[in-house]
Amino acid sequence: MTAPGRSDPVTVAELPWEEAWLLAGRLQADGIAARVFPESKASPISEAQFLPIGKEMAGEIGLGRHLFQVLVPRKRVKEARRIVDAINRK
C-alpha cells in the first residue's frame, strides 16, 4: 500500500550497481525522485550462500545480484523514460 501523497515506484531501468546509481543521480538532478533498489550491493551473509547451487538458482533466491532497479514515482515515469532514452542514444 502506498502512503497518502506518494505514488507507486516504477522501474525505468535495470543496470549494474554503479550505472544504476549514476542514472538515479542524473534523474535526481532533473528533479525526479529516483532511487536504486536494493540500495545496498552487499547481500546478507547466510548459510544459503554456501549451498552447492547453480548460478541461475542463486539469482532466483537473491544471491549474486548483478542488476539493480532504478525506480521513479509513477507520475514521473514518462519524463524519466525520455531522459533514459536520450542517454541511450548518445
Protein backbone atom coordinates (compact mmCIF):
# COMPACT_ATOMS: atom_id res chain seq x y z
CA MET A 1 0.00 0.00 0.00
CA THR A 2 1.24 3.48 -0.84
CA ALA A 3 1.27 6.30 1.71
CA PRO A 4 -1.07 9.23 1.01
CA GLY A 5 0.51 11.74 -1.36
CA ARG A 6 3.04 9.22 -2.71
CA SER A 7 2.84 7.20 -5.88
CA ASP A 8 3.91 3.63 -6.53
CA PRO A 9 7.50 3.33 -7.76
CA VAL A 10 8.07 2.13 -11.32
CA THR A 11 11.25 0.58 -12.71
CA VAL A 12 12.71 2.61 -15.59
CA ALA A 13 15.96 0.65 -15.89
CA GLU A 14 17.85 -2.35 -14.54
CA LEU A 15 21.59 -1.77 -14.56
CA PRO A 16 24.82 -2.83 -12.88
CA TRP A 17 25.40 -1.21 -9.45
CA GLU A 18 27.48 1.82 -10.48
CA GLU A 19 25.44 2.59 -13.58
CA ALA A 20 22.17 2.40 -11.63
CA TRP A 21 23.44 5.00 -9.15
CA LEU A 22 24.70 7.24 -11.97
CA LEU A 23 21.31 7.14 -13.68
CA ALA A 24 19.46 7.77 -10.41
CA GLY A 25 21.70 10.78 -9.79
CA ARG A 26 21.05 12.13 -13.28
CA LEU A 27 17.29 11.78 -12.81
CA GLN A 28 17.51 13.45 -9.40
CA ALA A 29 19.45 16.33 -10.96
CA ASP A 30 16.47 16.75 -13.31
CA GLY A 31 14.09 16.90 -10.35
CA ILE A 32 12.83 13.31 -10.43
CA ALA A 33 12.87 11.44 -7.11
CA ALA A 34 14.77 8.39 -8.37
CA ARG A 35 16.24 5.66 -6.20
CA VAL A 36 18.11 2.39 -6.59
CA PHE A 37 16.71 -0.91 -5.33
CA PRO A 38 18.13 -2.60 -3.47
CA GLU A 39 20.12 0.28 -2.01
CA SER A 40 22.93 -1.94 -0.80
CA LYS A 41 25.16 -4.01 -3.06
CA ALA A 42 26.07 -6.40 -0.26
CA SER A 43 23.85 -9.38 0.43
CA PRO A 44 23.41 -10.55 3.98
CA ILE A 45 25.65 -13.49 4.72
CA SER A 46 23.66 -16.64 5.31
CA GLU A 47 24.09 -20.37 5.20
CA ALA A 48 22.35 -20.35 1.82
CA GLN A 49 25.35 -18.69 0.19
CA PHE A 50 27.38 -21.81 0.80
CA LEU A 51 24.91 -24.31 -0.68
CA PRO A 52 26.10 -26.09 -3.84
CA ILE A 53 23.63 -24.42 -6.22
CA GLY A 54 23.96 -23.17 -9.76
CA LYS A 55 24.27 -19.51 -10.76
CA GLU A 56 20.69 -19.42 -12.11
CA MET A 57 19.20 -20.71 -8.85
CA ALA A 58 21.39 -18.30 -6.84
CA GLY A 59 19.87 -15.41 -8.78
CA GLU A 60 16.35 -16.71 -8.17
CA ILE A 61 16.84 -16.64 -4.40
CA GLY A 62 18.55 -13.22 -4.41
CA LEU A 63 22.20 -14.21 -4.18
CA GLY A 64 24.72 -12.89 -6.68
CA ARG A 65 22.59 -9.97 -7.91
CA HIS A 66 24.06 -8.29 -10.99
CA LEU A 67 21.35 -5.79 -11.91
CA PHE A 68 19.73 -3.13 -9.75
CA GLN A 69 16.44 -1.35 -10.41
CA VAL A 70 16.22 2.40 -10.89
CA LEU A 71 12.81 3.41 -9.53
CA VAL A 72 10.86 6.61 -10.05
CA PRO A 73 7.38 7.75 -8.94
CA ARG A 74 4.65 6.57 -11.33
CA LYS A 75 3.60 10.16 -12.05
CA ARG A 76 7.12 10.94 -13.41
CA VAL A 77 7.75 7.73 -15.37
CA LYS A 78 7.19 9.20 -18.86
CA GLU A 79 9.63 12.03 -18.21
CA ALA A 80 12.17 9.63 -16.71
CA ARG A 81 11.93 7.25 -19.69
CA ARG A 82 12.50 10.17 -22.10
CA ILE A 83 15.71 11.00 -20.22
CA VAL A 84 16.81 7.34 -20.22
CA ASP A 85 16.13 7.10 -23.97
CA ALA A 86 18.13 10.28 -24.62
CA ILE A 87 21.07 8.88 -22.64
CA ASN A 88 20.92 5.59 -24.56
CA ARG A 89 21.02 7.42 -27.91
CA LYS A 90 24.33 9.13 -27.09
